[in-house]
Amino acid sequence: MTLPPGPYSGKSTLALVARVSAFTFGLAYGSVKLKVLK
């Protein structure tokens, strides 16, 4: 599900939101993993 580079209308916001949510999920998962390991 990769979007081609260029001006895509409407989907850029969706992609940005998906990217930010995935990044936040990764951060939360990493912190929880560290806490569990400690």
PDB file of N, CA and C in Angstrom:
ATOM      1  N   MET A   1       0.847  -1.197   0.000  1.00  0.00           N
ATOM      2  CA  MET A   1       0.000   0.000   0.000  1.00  0.00           C
ATOM      3  C   MET A   1       0.883   1.247   0.000  1.00  0.00           C
ATOM      4  N   THR A   2       1.691   1.378  -1.012  1.00  0.00           N
ATOM      5  CA  THR A   2       2.588   2.530  -1.098  1.00  0.00           C
ATOM      6  C   THR A   2       2.013   3.547  -2.064  1.00  0.00           C
ATOM      7  N   LEU A   3       1.980   4.807  -1.628  1.00  0.00           N
ATOM      8  CA  LEU A   3       1.446   5.870  -2.484  1.00  0.00           C
ATOM      9  C   LEU A   3       2.555   6.446  -3.345  1.00  0.00           C
ATOM     10  N   PRO A   4       2.283   6.650  -4.628  1.00  0.00           N
ATOM     11  CA  PRO A   4       3.298   7.239  -5.515  1.00  0.00           C
ATOM     12  C   PRO A   4       3.572   8.682  -5.139  1.00  0.00           C
ATOM     13  N   PRO A   5       4.816   9.128  -5.259  1.00  0.00           N
ATOM     14  CA  PRO A   5       5.152  10.507  -4.920  1.00  0.00           C
ATOM     15  C   PRO A   5       4.454  11.486  -5.849  1.00  0.00           C
ATOM     16  N   GLY A   6       3.988  12.571  -5.283  1.00  0.00           N
ATOM     17  CA  GLY A   6       3.277  13.552  -6.097  1.00  0.00           C
ATOM     18  C   GLY A   6       2.101  14.117  -5.325  1.00  0.00           C
ATOM     19  N   PRO A   7       1.402  15.058  -5.912  1.00  0.00           N
ATOM     20  CA  PRO A   7       0.251  15.686  -5.244  1.00  0.00           C
ATOM     21  C   PRO A   7      -0.977  14.796  -5.280  1.00  0.00           C
ATOM     22  N   TYR A   8      -1.218  14.077  -4.198  1.00  0.00           N
ATOM     23  CA  TYR A   8      -2.451  13.293  -4.134  1.00  0.00           C
ATOM     24  C   TYR A   8      -3.425  14.017  -3.223  1.00  0.00           C
ATOM     25  N   SER A   9      -4.608  14.291  -3.733  1.00  0.00           N
ATOM     26  CA  SER A   9      -5.569  15.101  -2.985  1.00  0.00           C
ATOM     27  C   SER A   9      -6.348  14.226  -2.017  1.00  0.00           C
ATOM     28  N   GLY A  10      -6.400  14.649  -0.752  1.00  0.00           N
ATOM     29  CA  GLY A  10      -7.214  13.934   0.226  1.00  0.00           C
ATOM     30  C   GLY A  10      -6.462  12.795   0.881  1.00  0.00           C
ATOM     31  N   LYS A  11      -5.578  12.121   0.131  1.00  0.00           N
ATOM     32  CA  LYS A  11      -4.903  10.955   0.704  1.00  0.00           C
ATOM     33  C   LYS A  11      -3.654  11.351   1.475  1.00  0.00           C
ATOM     34  N   SER A  12      -3.151  12.555   1.230  1.00  0.00           N
ATOM     35  CA  SER A  12      -1.929  12.979   1.924  1.00  0.00           C
ATOM     36  C   SER A  12      -2.194  13.103   3.420  1.00  0.00           C
ATOM     37  N   THR A  13      -3.353  13.663   3.777  1.00  0.00           N
ATOM     38  CA  THR A  13      -3.695  13.806   5.193  1.00  0.00           C
ATOM     39  C   THR A  13      -3.852  12.436   5.828  1.00  0.00           C
ATOM     40  N   LEU A  14      -4.496  11.528   5.111  1.00  0.00           N
ATOM     41  CA  LEU A  14      -4.708  10.179   5.636  1.00  0.00           C
ATOM     42  C   LEU A  14      -3.368   9.484   5.850  1.00  0.00           C
ATOM     43  N   ALA A  15      -2.465   9.626   4.887  1.00  0.00           N
ATOM     44  CA  ALA A  15      -1.147   9.008   5.008  1.00  0.00           C
ATOM     45  C   ALA A  15      -0.389   9.599   6.188  1.00  0.00           C
ATOM     46  N   LEU A  16      -0.504  10.918   6.354  1.00  0.00           N
ATOM     47  CA  LEU A  16       0.194  11.580   7.460  1.00  0.00           C
ATOM     48  C   LEU A  16      -0.344  11.079   8.796  1.00  0.00           C
ATOM     49  N   VAL A  17      -1.664  10.988   8.911  1.00  0.00           N
ATOM     50  CA  VAL A  17      -2.276  10.507  10.152  1.00  0.00           C
ATOM     51  C   VAL A  17      -1.845   9.070  10.425  1.00  0.00           C
ATOM     52  N   ALA A  18      -1.836   8.239   9.390  1.00  0.00           N
ATOM     53  CA  ALA A  18      -1.437   6.841   9.561  1.00  0.00           C
ATOM     54  C   ALA A  18       0.016   6.760  10.018  1.00  0.00           C
ATOM     55  N   ARG A  19       0.863   7.609   9.410  1.00  0.00           N
ATOM     56  CA  ARG A  19       2.286   7.594   9.772  1.00  0.00           C
ATOM     57  C   ARG A  19       2.474   8.020  11.224  1.00  0.00           C
ATOM     58  N   VAL A  20       1.788   9.083  11.629  1.00  0.00           N
ATOM     59  CA  VAL A  20       1.923   9.588  13.002  1.00  0.00           C
ATOM     60  C   VAL A  20       1.397   8.562  13.998  1.00  0.00           C
ATOM     61  N   SER A  21       0.268   7.934  13.676  1.00  0.00           N
ATOM     62  CA  SER A  21      -0.302   6.937  14.589  1.00  0.00           C
ATOM     63  C   SER A  21       0.636   5.739  14.709  1.00  0.00           C
ATOM     64  N   ALA A  22       1.217   5.323  13.596  1.00  0.00           N
ATOM     65  CA  ALA A  22       2.148   4.197  13.630  1.00  0.00           C
ATOM     66  C   ALA A  22       3.382   4.553  14.450  1.00  0.00           C
ATOM     67  N   PHE A  23       3.877   5.788  14.292  1.00  0.00           N
ATOM     68  CA  PHE A  23       5.044   6.234  15.050  1.00  0.00           C
ATOM     69  C   PHE A  23       4.736   6.261  16.543  1.00  0.00           C
ATOM     70  N   THR A  24       3.552   6.778  16.899  1.00  0.00           N
ATOM     71  CA  THR A  24       3.155   6.834  18.306  1.00  0.00           C
ATOM     72  C   THR A  24       3.014   5.425  18.874  1.00  0.00           C
ATOM     73  N   PHE A  25       2.422   4.526  18.087  1.00  0.00           N
ATOM     74  CA  PHE A  25       2.264   3.144  18.534  1.00  0.00           C
ATOM     75  C   PHE A  25       3.627   2.494  18.758  1.00  0.00           C
ATOM     76  N   GLY A  26       4.565   2.771  17.869  1.00  0.00           N
ATOM     77  CA  GLY A  26       5.910   2.220  18.016  1.00  0.00           C
ATOM     78  C   GLY A  26       6.589   2.743  19.275  1.00  0.00           C
ATOM     79  N   LEU A  27       6.420   4.033  19.544  1.00  0.00           N
ATOM     80  CA  LEU A  27       7.014   4.621  20.749  1.00  0.00           C
ATOM     81  C   LEU A  27       6.425   3.982  21.997  1.00  0.00           C
ATOM     82  N   ALA A  28       5.100   3.870  22.047  1.00  0.00           N
ATOM     83  CA  ALA A  28       4.433   3.292  23.214  1.00  0.00           C
ATOM     84  C   ALA A  28       4.866   1.840  23.391  1.00  0.00           C
ATOM     85  N   TYR A  29       4.934   1.096  22.287  1.00  0.00           N
ATOM     86  CA  TYR A  29       5.336  -0.310  22.354  1.00  0.00           C
ATOM     87  C   TYR A  29       6.769  -0.437  22.866  1.00  0.00           C
ATOM     88  N   GLY A  30       7.637   0.445  22.402  1.00  0.00           N
ATOM     89  CA  GLY A  30       9.031   0.407  22.842  1.00  0.00           C
ATOM     90  C   GLY A  30       9.161   0.709  24.326  1.00  0.00           C
ATOM     91  N   SER A  31       8.423   1.691  24.807  1.00  0.00           N
ATOM     92  CA  SER A  31       8.514   2.053  26.230  1.00  0.00           C
ATOM     93  C   SER A  31       7.978   0.919  27.095  1.00  0.00           C
ATOM     94  N   VAL A  32       6.878   0.313  26.675  1.00  0.00           N
ATOM     95  CA  VAL A  32       6.308  -0.804  27.439  1.00  0.00           C
ATOM     96  C   VAL A  32       7.288  -1.970  27.452  1.00  0.00           C
ATOM     97  N   LYS A  33       7.912  -2.230  26.308  1.00  0.00           N
ATOM     98  CA  LYS A  33       8.884  -3.318  26.221  1.00  0.00           C
ATOM     99  C   LYS A  33      10.043  -3.065  27.182  1.00  0.00           C
ATOM    100  N   LEU A  34      10.525  -1.814  27.222  1.00  0.00           N
ATOM    101  CA  LEU A  34      11.625  -1.484  28.121  1.00  0.00           C
ATOM    102  C   LEU A  34      11.206  -1.685  29.573  1.00  0.00           C
ATOM    103  N   LYS A  35      10.000  -1.250  29.911  1.00  0.00           N
ATOM    104  CA  LYS A  35       9.525  -1.396  31.292  1.00  0.00           C
ATOM    105  C   LYS A  35       9.433  -2.869  31.664  1.00  0.00           C
ATOM    106  N   VAL A  36       8.946  -3.684  30.742  1.00  0.00           N
ATOM    107  CA  VAL A  36       8.808  -5.117  31.021  1.00  0.00           C
ATOM    108  C   VAL A  36      10.188  -5.750  31.179  1.00  0.00           C
ATOM    109  N   LEU A  37      11.137  -5.341  30.336  1.00  0.00           N
ATOM    110  CA  LEU A  37      12.482  -5.905  30.417  1.00  0.00           C
ATOM    111  C   LEU A  37      13.156  -5.515  31.729  1.00  0.00           C
ATOM    112  N   LYS A  38      12.876  -4.309  32.205  1.00  0.00           N
ATOM    113  CA  LYS A  38      13.477  -3.872  33.464  1.00  0.00           C
ATOM    114  C   LYS A  38      12.780  -4.577  34.620  1.00  0.00           C
TER     115      LYS A  38
END
